Amino acid sequence: MHSSLKTTIRNGLARVVLYEKRPKIKYQDELLSAEKSAKELRLGVWKK
């Protein structure tokens, strides 16, 4: 996975969107973990 994508998500500058009918993506767990960190720290789009 390109590390800049993970960094962008971890900084709250992007959200992970998964579609139910699609198979699990290769880095899904890593991306969701990065998003969770951003949410907990209230970064970027998670500032509310």
C-alpha atoms as a PDB file:
ATOM      1  CA  MET A   1       0.000   0.000   0.000  1.00  0.00           C
ATOM      2  CA  HIS A   2       1.162   3.486  -0.717  1.00  0.00           C
ATOM      3  CA  SER A   3       2.109   4.991   2.658  1.00  0.00           C
ATOM      4  CA  SER A   4       0.826   8.439   1.699  1.00  0.00           C
ATOM      5  CA  LEU A   5      -2.731   7.062   1.522  1.00  0.00           C
ATOM      6  CA  LYS A   6      -2.452   5.644   5.035  1.00  0.00           C
ATOM      7  CA  THR A   7      -0.923   8.917   6.277  1.00  0.00           C
ATOM      8  CA  THR A   8      -3.713  10.938   4.660  1.00  0.00           C
ATOM      9  CA  ILE A   9      -6.328   8.810   6.420  1.00  0.00           C
ATOM     10  CA  ARG A  10      -4.432   8.852   9.730  1.00  0.00           C
ATOM     11  CA  ASN A  11      -4.360  12.663   9.606  1.00  0.00           C
ATOM     12  CA  GLY A  12      -8.116  12.796   9.135  1.00  0.00           C
ATOM     13  CA  LEU A  13      -7.890  14.159   5.605  1.00  0.00           C
ATOM     14  CA  ALA A  14      -9.744  11.227   4.026  1.00  0.00           C
ATOM     15  CA  ARG A  15     -12.345   8.659   4.985  1.00  0.00           C
ATOM     16  CA  VAL A  16     -12.455   4.941   4.277  1.00  0.00           C
ATOM     17  CA  VAL A  17     -15.507   3.882   2.275  1.00  0.00           C
ATOM     18  CA  LEU A  18     -16.245   0.181   1.872  1.00  0.00           C
ATOM     19  CA  TYR A  19     -18.973  -1.322  -0.255  1.00  0.00           C
ATOM     20  CA  GLU A  20     -20.870  -4.301   1.172  1.00  0.00           C
ATOM     21  CA  LYS A  21     -21.027  -6.280  -2.068  1.00  0.00           C
ATOM     22  CA  ARG A  22     -17.295  -6.043  -2.724  1.00  0.00           C
ATOM     23  CA  PRO A  23     -14.758  -8.513  -1.350  1.00  0.00           C
ATOM     24  CA  LYS A  24     -12.442  -7.344   1.427  1.00  0.00           C
ATOM     25  CA  ILE A  25      -9.693  -5.089   0.050  1.00  0.00           C
ATOM     26  CA  LYS A  26      -6.040  -5.949   0.609  1.00  0.00           C
ATOM     27  CA  TYR A  27      -5.230  -3.202   3.143  1.00  0.00           C
ATOM     28  CA  GLN A  28      -8.707  -2.788   4.637  1.00  0.00           C
ATOM     29  CA  ASP A  29      -7.663  -3.483   8.237  1.00  0.00           C
ATOM     30  CA  GLU A  30      -4.722  -1.063   8.094  1.00  0.00           C
ATOM     31  CA  LEU A  31      -6.839   1.700   6.577  1.00  0.00           C
ATOM     32  CA  LEU A  32      -9.646   1.235   9.102  1.00  0.00           C
ATOM     33  CA  SER A  33      -7.100   1.313  11.928  1.00  0.00           C
ATOM     34  CA  ALA A  34      -5.660   4.586  10.598  1.00  0.00           C
ATOM     35  CA  GLU A  35      -9.171   6.037  10.375  1.00  0.00           C
ATOM     36  CA  LYS A  36      -9.946   4.938  13.938  1.00  0.00           C
ATOM     37  CA  SER A  37      -6.818   6.732  15.181  1.00  0.00           C
ATOM     38  CA  ALA A  38      -7.865   9.938  13.418  1.00  0.00           C
ATOM     39  CA  LYS A  39     -11.362   9.690  14.917  1.00  0.00           C
ATOM     40  CA  GLU A  40     -10.001   9.169  18.438  1.00  0.00           C
ATOM     41  CA  LEU A  41      -7.677  12.163  18.094  1.00  0.00           C
ATOM     42  CA  ARG A  42     -10.401  14.234  16.391  1.00  0.00           C
ATOM     43  CA  LEU A  43      -8.232  15.135  13.421  1.00  0.00           C
ATOM     44  CA  GLY A  44      -9.290  16.604  10.087  1.00  0.00           C
ATOM     45  CA  VAL A  45     -12.823  15.596   9.114  1.00  0.00           C
ATOM     46  CA  TRP A  46     -13.319  14.131  12.611  1.00  0.00           C
ATOM     47  CA  LYS A  47     -12.905  17.446  14.487  1.00  0.00           C
ATOM     48  CA  LYS A  48     -16.551  17.636  15.596  1.00  0.00           C
END
